[in-house]
Amino acid sequence: MSHDASPARTSGGTAPNRTPLIVLAWAWVGLPFLYGVYSLVLKVPALF
């Protein structure tokens, strides 16, 4: 019983191009996070 840790392959034997999916996933999480950090930075001076 061997465990193949290689990425998922299509029937052609080449790895699928997942770059657009990875970029979309990072944007989906990163953009709201950056907006939250930006809002925080704007509101911090009001605390002091």
PDB file of N, CA and C in Angstrom:
ATOM      1  N   MET A   1       0.850  -1.173   0.000  1.00  0.00           N
ATOM      2  CA  MET A   1       0.000   0.000   0.000  1.00  0.00           C
ATOM      3  C   MET A   1       0.897   1.238   0.000  1.00  0.00           C
ATOM      4  N   SER A   2       0.896   1.976  -1.100  1.00  0.00           N
ATOM      5  CA  SER A   2       1.716   3.173  -1.187  1.00  0.00           C
ATOM      6  C   SER A   2       0.830   4.406  -1.148  1.00  0.00           C
ATOM      7  N   HIS A   3       1.387   5.458  -0.645  1.00  0.00           N
ATOM      8  CA  HIS A   3       0.652   6.724  -0.539  1.00  0.00           C
ATOM      9  C   HIS A   3       1.286   7.706  -1.505  1.00  0.00           C
ATOM     10  N   ASP A   4       0.516   8.166  -2.499  1.00  0.00           N
ATOM     11  CA  ASP A   4       1.018   9.105  -3.485  1.00  0.00           C
ATOM     12  C   ASP A   4       0.650  10.523  -3.053  1.00  0.00           C
ATOM     13  N   ALA A   5       1.645  11.326  -2.709  1.00  0.00           N
ATOM     14  CA  ALA A   5       1.406  12.686  -2.229  1.00  0.00           C
ATOM     15  C   ALA A   5       1.439  13.707  -3.361  1.00  0.00           C
ATOM     16  N   SER A   6       1.475  13.259  -4.594  1.00  0.00           N
ATOM     17  CA  SER A   6       1.517  14.177  -5.720  1.00  0.00           C
ATOM     18  C   SER A   6       0.158  14.850  -5.898  1.00  0.00           C
ATOM     19  N   PRO A   7       0.133  16.011  -6.545  1.00  0.00           N
ATOM     20  CA  PRO A   7      -1.151  16.698  -6.750  1.00  0.00           C
ATOM     21  C   PRO A   7      -2.077  15.891  -7.641  1.00  0.00           C
ATOM     22  N   ALA A   8      -3.356  16.209  -7.557  1.00  0.00           N
ATOM     23  CA  ALA A   8      -4.355  15.521  -8.370  1.00  0.00           C
ATOM     24  C   ALA A   8      -4.017  15.688  -9.845  1.00  0.00           C
ATOM     25  N   ARG A   9      -4.198  14.648 -10.596  1.00  0.00           N
ATOM     26  CA  ARG A   9      -3.853  14.685 -12.008  1.00  0.00           C
ATOM     27  C   ARG A   9      -5.088  14.417 -12.848  1.00  0.00           C
ATOM     28  N   THR A  10      -5.108  15.007 -14.025  1.00  0.00           N
ATOM     29  CA  THR A  10      -6.195  14.751 -14.956  1.00  0.00           C
ATOM     30  C   THR A  10      -5.879  13.477 -15.723  1.00  0.00           C
ATOM     31  N   SER A  11      -6.791  13.060 -16.557  1.00  0.00           N
ATOM     32  CA  SER A  11      -6.585  11.824 -17.309  1.00  0.00           C
ATOM     33  C   SER A  11      -5.400  11.928 -18.255  1.00  0.00           C
ATOM     34  N   GLY A  12      -4.984  13.148 -18.619  1.00  0.00           N
ATOM     35  CA  GLY A  12      -3.850  13.333 -19.511  1.00  0.00           C
ATOM     36  C   GLY A  12      -2.515  13.168 -18.814  1.00  0.00           C
ATOM     37  N   GLY A  13      -2.528  13.110 -17.493  1.00  0.00           N
ATOM     38  CA  GLY A  13      -1.289  12.917 -16.751  1.00  0.00           C
ATOM     39  C   GLY A  13      -0.606  14.208 -16.351  1.00  0.00           C
ATOM     40  N   THR A  14      -1.227  15.356 -16.599  1.00  0.00           N
ATOM     41  CA  THR A  14      -0.651  16.632 -16.186  1.00  0.00           C
ATOM     42  C   THR A  14      -1.465  17.222 -15.049  1.00  0.00           C
ATOM     43  N   ALA A  15      -0.795  17.984 -14.208  1.00  0.00           N
ATOM     44  CA  ALA A  15      -1.486  18.611 -13.079  1.00  0.00           C
ATOM     45  C   ALA A  15      -2.394  19.724 -13.603  1.00  0.00           C
ATOM     46  N   PRO A  16      -3.602  19.853 -13.057  1.00  0.00           N
ATOM     47  CA  PRO A  16      -4.500  20.927 -13.496  1.00  0.00           C
ATOM     48  C   PRO A  16      -3.966  22.287 -13.061  1.00  0.00           C
ATOM     49  N   ASN A  17      -4.266  23.316 -13.842  1.00  0.00           N
ATOM     50  CA  ASN A  17      -3.829  24.672 -13.518  1.00  0.00           C
ATOM     51  C   ASN A  17      -4.808  25.267 -12.510  1.00  0.00           C
ATOM     52  N   ARG A  18      -4.400  25.340 -11.260  1.00  0.00           N
ATOM     53  CA  ARG A  18      -5.270  25.848 -10.199  1.00  0.00           C
ATOM     54  C   ARG A  18      -4.902  27.256  -9.769  1.00  0.00           C
ATOM     55  N   THR A  19      -4.025  27.917 -10.512  1.00  0.00           N
ATOM     56  CA  THR A  19      -3.599  29.258 -10.132  1.00  0.00           C
ATOM     57  C   THR A  19      -4.775  30.231 -10.021  1.00  0.00           C
ATOM     58  N   PRO A  20      -5.700  30.271 -10.991  1.00  0.00           N
ATOM     59  CA  PRO A  20      -6.832  31.201 -10.831  1.00  0.00           C
ATOM     60  C   PRO A  20      -7.671  30.907  -9.590  1.00  0.00           C
ATOM     61  N   LEU A  21      -7.851  29.642  -9.277  1.00  0.00           N
ATOM     62  CA  LEU A  21      -8.617  29.271  -8.089  1.00  0.00           C
ATOM     63  C   LEU A  21      -7.902  29.720  -6.818  1.00  0.00           C
ATOM     64  N   ILE A  22      -6.599  29.564  -6.783  1.00  0.00           N
ATOM     65  CA  ILE A  22      -5.827  29.972  -5.608  1.00  0.00           C
ATOM     66  C   ILE A  22      -5.877  31.489  -5.448  1.00  0.00           C
ATOM     67  N   VAL A  23      -5.750  32.216  -6.562  1.00  0.00           N
ATOM     68  CA  VAL A  23      -5.822  33.680  -6.504  1.00  0.00           C
ATOM     69  C   VAL A  23      -7.198  34.122  -6.017  1.00  0.00           C
ATOM     70  N   LEU A  24      -8.246  33.500  -6.527  1.00  0.00           N
ATOM     71  CA  LEU A  24      -9.599  33.844  -6.107  1.00  0.00           C
ATOM     72  C   LEU A  24      -9.805  33.547  -4.618  1.00  0.00           C
ATOM     73  N   ALA A  25      -9.308  32.424  -4.153  1.00  0.00           N
ATOM     74  CA  ALA A  25      -9.461  32.066  -2.741  1.00  0.00           C
ATOM     75  C   ALA A  25      -8.740  33.063  -1.839  1.00  0.00           C
ATOM     76  N   TRP A  26      -7.509  33.441  -2.216  1.00  0.00           N
ATOM     77  CA  TRP A  26      -6.771  34.423  -1.413  1.00  0.00           C
ATOM     78  C   TRP A  26      -7.473  35.773  -1.429  1.00  0.00           C
ATOM     79  N   ALA A  27      -8.009  36.177  -2.586  1.00  0.00           N
ATOM     80  CA  ALA A  27      -8.724  37.446  -2.665  1.00  0.00           C
ATOM     81  C   ALA A  27      -9.999  37.409  -1.830  1.00  0.00           C
ATOM     82  N   TRP A  28     -10.690  36.264  -1.843  1.00  0.00           N
ATOM     83  CA  TRP A  28     -11.939  36.097  -1.092  1.00  0.00           C
ATOM     84  C   TRP A  28     -11.711  36.320   0.400  1.00  0.00           C
ATOM     85  N   VAL A  29     -10.565  35.897   0.887  1.00  0.00           N
ATOM     86  CA  VAL A  29     -10.248  36.044   2.311  1.00  0.00           C
ATOM     87  C   VAL A  29      -9.458  37.327   2.568  1.00  0.00           C
ATOM     88  N   GLY A  30      -8.523  37.633   1.679  1.00  0.00           N
ATOM     89  CA  GLY A  30      -7.597  38.735   1.909  1.00  0.00           C
ATOM     90  C   GLY A  30      -8.211  40.113   1.809  1.00  0.00           C
ATOM     91  N   LEU A  31      -9.099  40.318   0.840  1.00  0.00           N
ATOM     92  CA  LEU A  31      -9.678  41.654   0.662  1.00  0.00           C
ATOM     93  C   LEU A  31     -10.533  42.086   1.857  1.00  0.00           C
ATOM     94  N   PRO A  32     -11.439  41.255   2.361  1.00  0.00           N
ATOM     95  CA  PRO A  32     -12.171  41.675   3.571  1.00  0.00           C
ATOM     96  C   PRO A  32     -11.257  41.854   4.782  1.00  0.00           C
ATOM     97  N   PHE A  33     -10.226  41.034   4.878  1.00  0.00           N
ATOM     98  CA  PHE A  33      -9.277  41.165   5.978  1.00  0.00           C
ATOM     99  C   PHE A  33      -8.555  42.509   5.904  1.00  0.00           C
ATOM    100  N   LEU A  34      -8.084  42.853   4.709  1.00  0.00           N
ATOM    101  CA  LEU A  34      -7.387  44.131   4.553  1.00  0.00           C
ATOM    102  C   LEU A  34      -8.313  45.316   4.808  1.00  0.00           C
ATOM    103  N   TYR A  35      -9.574  45.192   4.395  1.00  0.00           N
ATOM    104  CA  TYR A  35     -10.547  46.254   4.681  1.00  0.00           C
ATOM    105  C   TYR A  35     -10.733  46.407   6.197  1.00  0.00           C
ATOM    106  N   GLY A  36     -10.795  45.298   6.904  1.00  0.00           N
ATOM    107  CA  GLY A  36     -10.927  45.339   8.358  1.00  0.00           C
ATOM    108  C   GLY A  36      -9.725  45.972   9.023  1.00  0.00           C
ATOM    109  N   VAL A  37      -8.535  45.643   8.550  1.00  0.00           N
ATOM    110  CA  VAL A  37      -7.318  46.247   9.100  1.00  0.00           C
ATOM    111  C   VAL A  37      -7.310  47.747   8.816  1.00  0.00           C
ATOM    112  N   TYR A  38      -7.709  48.142   7.605  1.00  0.00           N
ATOM    113  CA  TYR A  38      -7.774  49.556   7.233  1.00  0.00           C
ATOM    114  C   TYR A  38      -8.757  50.299   8.142  1.00  0.00           C
ATOM    115  N   SER A  39      -9.933  49.714   8.370  1.00  0.00           N
ATOM    116  CA  SER A  39     -10.922  50.343   9.259  1.00  0.00           C
ATOM    117  C   SER A  39     -10.386  50.459  10.672  1.00  0.00           C
ATOM    118  N   LEU A  40      -9.683  49.449  11.125  1.00  0.00           N
ATOM    119  CA  LEU A  40      -9.088  49.471  12.463  1.00  0.00           C
ATOM    120  C   LEU A  40      -8.077  50.582  12.597  1.00  0.00           C
ATOM    121  N   VAL A  41      -7.221  50.728  11.601  1.00  0.00           N
ATOM    122  CA  VAL A  41      -6.195  51.777  11.638  1.00  0.00           C
ATOM    123  C   VAL A  41      -6.839  53.156  11.672  1.00  0.00           C
ATOM    124  N   LEU A  42      -7.947  53.331  10.969  1.00  0.00           N
ATOM    125  CA  LEU A  42      -8.629  54.617  10.990  1.00  0.00           C
ATOM    126  C   LEU A  42      -9.271  54.913  12.333  1.00  0.00           C
ATOM    127  N   LYS A  43      -9.690  53.887  13.065  1.00  0.00           N
ATOM    128  CA  LYS A  43     -10.410  54.089  14.330  1.00  0.00           C
ATOM    129  C   LYS A  43      -9.505  54.095  15.552  1.00  0.00           C
ATOM    130  N   VAL A  44      -8.276  53.623  15.414  1.00  0.00           N
ATOM    131  CA  VAL A  44      -7.363  53.557  16.558  1.00  0.00           C
ATOM    132  C   VAL A  44      -7.089  54.945  17.159  1.00  0.00           C
ATOM    133  N   PRO A  45      -6.870  55.988  16.375  1.00  0.00           N
ATOM    134  CA  PRO A  45      -6.610  57.296  16.997  1.00  0.00           C
ATOM    135  C   PRO A  45      -7.728  57.788  17.918  1.00  0.00           C
ATOM    136  N   ALA A  46      -8.962  57.367  17.667  1.00  0.00           N
ATOM    137  CA  ALA A  46     -10.066  57.782  18.523  1.00  0.00           C
ATOM    138  C   ALA A  46      -9.961  57.183  19.934  1.00  0.00           C
ATOM    139  N   LEU A  47      -9.175  56.134  20.073  1.00  0.00           N
ATOM    140  CA  LEU A  47      -9.013  55.506  21.388  1.00  0.00           C
ATOM    141  C   LEU A  47      -8.009  56.246  22.260  1.00  0.00           C
ATOM    142  N   PHE A  48      -7.209  57.097  21.652  1.00  0.00           N
ATOM    143  CA  PHE A  48      -6.149  57.775  22.414  1.00  0.00           C
ATOM    144  C   PHE A  48      -6.316  59.256  22.485  1.00  0.00           C
TER     145      PHE A  48
END
